Each structure stands twice: as structure tokens, then as C-alpha cells.
Amino acid sequence: MQTIAIIDYNMGNLHSVERAVAHVAGANAKVAITADPDFILKADRVVFPGQGAARDCMRELETRGMAEVVREVIRTKPFLGICMGMQVLMQHSEENGGIECLGLYEGNVRYFGNVHQEIGVRLKIPQMGWNQVWQQMEHPLWKGIADGARFYFVHSYYVEPVTPDLIAGSTEYGISYASAIAKDNVFAIQAHPEKSADDGLKLLENFVNWQV
């Protein structure tokens, strides 16, 4: 029986994620919301959810000793970041004048409120609701999901990687931005798969069965 750890750092709708992952994993997996570093480090797969503010997220990770745990497991096992759990993988966020993130990938997290100055269109912030994800690479987590499938988003900031090769999916909201990133054993998505109906469940199922 495989174990799937959902990292608990007091941020995000953890129980919705747990229910969705447990639903697709079935009886052959133990799915646990946990703040236990030993359990997370020994788990077969790790889900890193989150929502809210980057400053709060980073504070909680550091306070709970989770920042180093995330840095370790992201190197060693299948890892799924969701929403804020994607954003803080980058180096820096524009939030609150600047927040240093985990720095696992080169790039920044930018505010949608600055986009209208670039394109001349004021965007409704946060982006909230359904939007399309256009697949930018072949990936096992896209299996059975149509290009342009609709996922559910709630966010005011977006990821801007330095390396385009990191981008696994893109979404249009005033601009085209990276709504999913992937490298080696890591996949992260800005949308909430646990709230994204059949395609979201399919992505979670693909993660549970992903052979890295």
C-alpha cells in the first residue's frame, strides 16, 4: 500500500484535497494530512496544497520547520504543488513589496494588477472561476485530459518562470501565463484540481499512478 502525504502547514483547503486524492487512490493507498516531517519524508508521494498569501505561507513553512522538508522531498519523490503550493516554489513574489520564496526554480510570482498597465485592460482580481489550460508539453499528468480543458482558479498572482522549458500548461487572462510547471518528479498547477470536476480528478488520478 502506498502512502500519500498532504503537507499540513495551516494553509489551504486540505480536507477537500484529501477527499479528492483518497477518492482517486482507492483502497490501495493511505492518504494523510500531516505535519509530521518523518511521515512526509517516508511517504511515497507528496501533495503540497495552499491558498492565501505568500508571506503567510512562507512564515508557516519556516515556523513549522517545513521549508527544508519541502526542499528535500521535491528532490526525491513524486511531488504535486497546488495553487500557493506552486507559487512558493519560485524565487520571489511581488506580494507586499517582495517576499522571498523557496527558490527551487528560477522565476518570480507577479501580480495581475500590474498587467493592465502592460496591456491597457483592467483585469478583475482575483481571477476566480473556470478557465482553460493549454498543454505546453507532453506529460503523464495530462493523460486523458484534453488540451484546453477547463479548471477552476482562484488567484491574484501568477508564476513567471525564467526557463520556458519549465512550463507544462498556460492560461489566458489578459496575458498568457504559466498555469502549470513540471520538471523531473515535480508537477505543479495554479488551478485547484480538487475543485475542477472530472478533469481535476483525472489529473489527481494520474498523479497517484505516476511512475517517475
Protein backbone atom coordinates (compact mmCIF):
# COMPACT_ATOMS: atom_id res chain seq x y z
CA MET A 1 0.00 0.00 0.00
CA GLN A 2 1.44 3.35 -0.99
CA THR A 3 1.33 6.37 1.30
CA ILE A 4 0.44 9.87 0.10
CA ALA A 5 1.26 12.78 2.38
CA ILE A 6 -0.67 16.05 2.13
CA ILE A 7 1.51 18.64 3.80
CA ASP A 8 -0.26 20.48 6.61
CA TYR A 9 1.21 23.90 7.31
CA ASN A 10 -2.05 25.56 8.33
CA MET A 11 -2.76 26.91 4.84
CA GLY A 12 -5.28 25.76 2.25
CA ASN A 13 -8.40 23.68 1.95
CA LEU A 14 -6.67 20.49 2.99
CA HIS A 15 -9.73 18.32 3.54
CA SER A 16 -11.08 18.92 0.03
CA VAL A 17 -7.71 17.88 -1.36
CA GLU A 18 -7.59 14.84 0.93
CA ARG A 19 -11.07 13.68 -0.10
CA ALA A 20 -10.31 14.06 -3.80
CA VAL A 21 -6.95 12.26 -3.60
CA ALA A 22 -8.42 9.47 -1.46
CA HIS A 23 -11.29 9.08 -3.94
CA VAL A 24 -8.99 8.50 -6.92
CA ALA A 25 -6.41 6.48 -4.95
CA GLY A 26 -8.92 3.98 -3.62
CA ALA A 27 -8.25 1.33 -1.02
CA ASN A 28 -4.67 0.71 -2.09
CA ALA A 29 -3.34 3.95 -0.64
CA LYS A 30 -3.12 5.63 2.72
CA VAL A 31 -3.78 9.36 2.30
CA ALA A 32 -2.96 11.55 5.29
CA ILE A 33 -2.96 15.25 6.09
CA THR A 34 0.18 15.57 8.15
CA ALA A 35 2.69 17.96 9.67
CA ASP A 36 4.97 15.08 10.71
CA PRO A 37 8.31 15.51 8.90
CA ASP A 38 9.15 11.81 9.26
CA PHE A 39 5.86 10.72 7.67
CA ILE A 40 6.29 13.20 4.82
CA LEU A 41 9.89 12.16 4.18
CA LYS A 42 8.93 8.46 4.14
CA ALA A 43 5.76 8.86 2.05
CA ASP A 44 5.68 7.50 -1.49
CA ARG A 45 4.11 10.70 -2.87
CA VAL A 46 3.67 14.23 -1.57
CA VAL A 47 0.96 16.83 -2.24
CA PHE A 48 1.74 20.45 -1.37
CA PRO A 49 -1.50 22.46 -1.41
CA GLY A 50 -2.09 26.01 -0.29
CA GLN A 51 -4.05 29.19 -0.71
CA GLY A 52 -3.88 32.70 0.67
CA ALA A 53 -0.84 34.96 0.94
CA ALA A 54 2.76 34.08 0.12
CA ARG A 55 4.01 35.90 3.23
CA ASP A 56 1.75 33.81 5.48
CA CYS A 57 2.69 30.66 3.62
CA MET A 58 6.43 31.20 3.97
CA ARG A 59 6.06 32.19 7.64
CA GLU A 60 4.15 28.99 8.42
CA LEU A 61 6.61 26.83 6.50
CA GLU A 62 9.57 28.32 8.34
CA THR A 63 7.88 28.31 11.76
CA ARG A 64 6.86 24.66 11.41
CA GLY A 65 10.19 23.51 10.02
CA MET A 66 8.52 22.53 6.75
CA ALA A 67 10.60 24.58 4.34
CA GLU A 68 13.52 22.15 4.47
CA VAL A 69 11.15 19.18 4.33
CA VAL A 70 9.67 20.53 1.09
CA ARG A 71 13.15 21.14 -0.33
CA GLU A 72 14.08 17.53 0.48
CA VAL A 73 11.02 15.70 -0.82
CA ILE A 74 10.89 17.72 -4.03
CA ARG A 75 14.24 16.16 -4.92
CA THR A 76 13.31 12.58 -4.16
CA LYS A 77 9.71 11.59 -4.96
CA PRO A 78 6.57 12.38 -6.98
CA PHE A 79 5.50 15.84 -5.86
CA LEU A 80 2.34 17.80 -6.70
CA GLY A 81 2.06 21.51 -5.89
CA ILE A 82 -1.37 23.17 -5.95
CA CYS A 83 -2.11 26.92 -6.12
CA MET A 84 0.10 28.62 -3.49
CA GLY A 85 1.96 25.31 -3.36
CA MET A 86 3.06 26.11 -6.90
CA GLN A 87 3.86 29.80 -6.42
CA VAL A 88 6.20 29.46 -3.46
CA LEU A 89 8.42 27.04 -5.39
CA MET A 90 9.75 30.10 -7.21
CA GLN A 91 12.40 32.55 -6.01
CA HIS A 92 10.44 35.68 -5.30
CA SER A 93 6.89 37.06 -5.08
CA GLU A 94 5.81 40.66 -5.73
CA GLU A 95 3.34 40.41 -2.85
CA ASN A 96 3.67 43.04 -0.09
CA GLY A 97 6.62 44.71 -1.73
CA GLY A 98 8.55 41.48 -2.12
CA ILE A 99 8.64 38.06 -0.48
CA GLU A 100 11.46 35.54 -0.74
CA CYS A 101 10.03 32.12 -1.59
CA LEU A 102 11.57 28.64 -1.50
CA GLY A 103 13.77 29.33 -4.52
CA LEU A 104 13.51 25.86 -6.02
CA TYR A 105 13.01 27.21 -9.54
CA GLU A 106 14.21 30.41 -11.16
CA GLY A 107 11.41 32.90 -11.64
CA ASN A 108 9.01 35.30 -9.98
CA VAL A 109 5.40 35.47 -8.88
CA ARG A 110 3.74 38.55 -10.37
CA TYR A 111 0.58 40.48 -9.52
CA PHE A 112 -2.26 40.53 -12.06
CA GLY A 113 -2.94 44.11 -11.02
CA ASN A 114 0.20 45.20 -12.84
CA VAL A 115 -0.81 43.52 -16.07
CA HIS A 116 -3.39 46.13 -17.10
CA GLN A 117 -0.58 48.70 -17.31
CA GLU A 118 1.10 46.48 -19.89
CA ILE A 119 -1.95 45.59 -22.00
CA GLY A 120 -4.29 48.53 -21.35
CA VAL A 121 -7.07 46.33 -19.98
CA ARG A 122 -8.04 46.25 -16.32
CA LEU A 123 -8.50 42.70 -15.09
CA LYS A 124 -10.89 41.54 -12.42
CA ILE A 125 -8.76 40.41 -9.49
CA PRO A 126 -8.62 37.73 -8.30
CA GLN A 127 -9.15 35.58 -11.33
CA MET A 128 -11.95 33.42 -9.98
CA GLY A 129 -13.74 30.70 -11.86
CA TRP A 130 -13.21 28.33 -14.75
CA ASN A 131 -10.53 28.86 -17.37
CA GLN A 132 -8.72 26.77 -19.96
CA VAL A 133 -5.32 25.19 -19.56
CA TRP A 134 -3.33 24.73 -22.77
CA GLN A 135 -0.78 21.95 -22.52
CA GLN A 136 2.75 23.06 -23.36
CA MET A 137 4.43 19.67 -23.04
CA GLU A 138 3.53 16.02 -23.10
CA HIS A 139 3.32 14.82 -19.52
CA PRO A 140 1.90 11.77 -17.73
CA LEU A 141 -0.37 14.01 -15.62
CA TRP A 142 -2.11 15.26 -18.79
CA LYS A 143 -3.07 11.70 -19.80
CA GLY A 144 -6.78 11.55 -20.66
CA ILE A 145 -7.19 15.34 -20.29
CA ALA A 146 -7.98 17.30 -23.45
CA ASP A 147 -5.81 20.23 -24.44
CA GLY A 148 -7.72 23.35 -23.41
CA ALA A 149 -9.63 21.56 -20.65
CA ARG A 150 -11.22 23.87 -18.09
CA PHE A 151 -10.01 24.02 -14.50
CA TYR A 152 -11.12 26.10 -11.52
CA PHE A 153 -8.90 29.04 -10.49
CA VAL A 154 -8.81 31.49 -7.58
CA HIS A 155 -5.69 33.67 -7.55
CA SER A 156 -4.35 37.22 -7.81
CA TYR A 157 -0.75 36.32 -8.65
CA TYR A 158 0.79 34.19 -11.37
CA VAL A 159 4.09 32.41 -11.92
CA GLU A 160 6.64 33.72 -14.43
CA PRO A 161 9.47 31.16 -14.77
CA VAL A 162 12.83 32.21 -16.17
CA THR A 163 13.07 28.98 -18.17
CA PRO A 164 10.24 28.39 -20.67
CA ASP A 165 11.03 24.66 -20.66
CA LEU A 166 9.53 24.53 -17.16
CA ILE A 167 6.05 25.48 -18.42
CA ALA A 168 3.70 22.49 -18.64
CA GLY A 169 0.48 24.46 -19.16
CA SER A 170 -0.59 28.00 -19.97
CA THR A 171 -3.77 30.00 -19.43
CA GLU A 172 -5.06 33.26 -20.91
CA TYR A 173 -6.06 36.00 -18.51
CA GLY A 174 -5.12 39.32 -20.03
CA ILE A 175 -1.82 37.69 -20.90
CA SER A 176 -0.73 34.11 -21.45
CA TYR A 177 0.84 32.92 -18.19
CA ALA A 178 2.24 29.66 -16.83
CA SER A 179 -0.61 27.84 -15.10
CA ALA A 180 1.33 24.58 -14.69
CA ILE A 181 5.02 23.76 -14.39
CA ALA A 182 6.82 20.43 -14.47
CA LYS A 183 10.33 19.10 -14.17
CA ASP A 184 11.51 15.56 -13.42
CA ASN A 185 9.43 14.27 -10.48
CA VAL A 186 7.63 17.59 -9.88
CA PHE A 187 4.33 18.83 -11.28
CA ALA A 188 2.57 21.96 -10.01
CA ILE A 189 -0.63 23.65 -11.11
CA GLN A 190 -2.14 27.04 -10.30
CA ALA A 191 -5.71 25.76 -10.57
CA HIS A 192 -7.46 23.64 -7.94
CA PRO A 193 -7.83 20.10 -9.33
CA GLU A 194 -9.87 19.10 -6.29
CA LYS A 195 -12.50 21.65 -7.41
CA SER A 196 -12.19 21.01 -11.15
CA ALA A 197 -14.71 18.21 -11.70
CA ASP A 198 -13.74 15.22 -13.87
CA ASP A 199 -10.58 16.70 -15.40
CA GLY A 200 -9.29 17.69 -11.98
CA LEU A 201 -9.92 14.22 -10.62
CA LYS A 202 -8.22 12.72 -13.66
CA LEU A 203 -5.12 14.83 -13.01
CA LEU A 204 -5.06 13.64 -9.39
CA GLU A 205 -5.55 10.04 -10.53
CA ASN A 206 -2.65 10.43 -12.94
CA PHE A 207 -0.51 11.76 -10.09
CA VAL A 208 -1.39 8.81 -7.86
CA ASN A 209 -0.34 6.41 -10.65
CA TRP A 210 2.64 8.41 -11.90
CA GLN A 211 5.75 6.26 -12.30
CA VAL A 212 8.67 8.67 -12.17
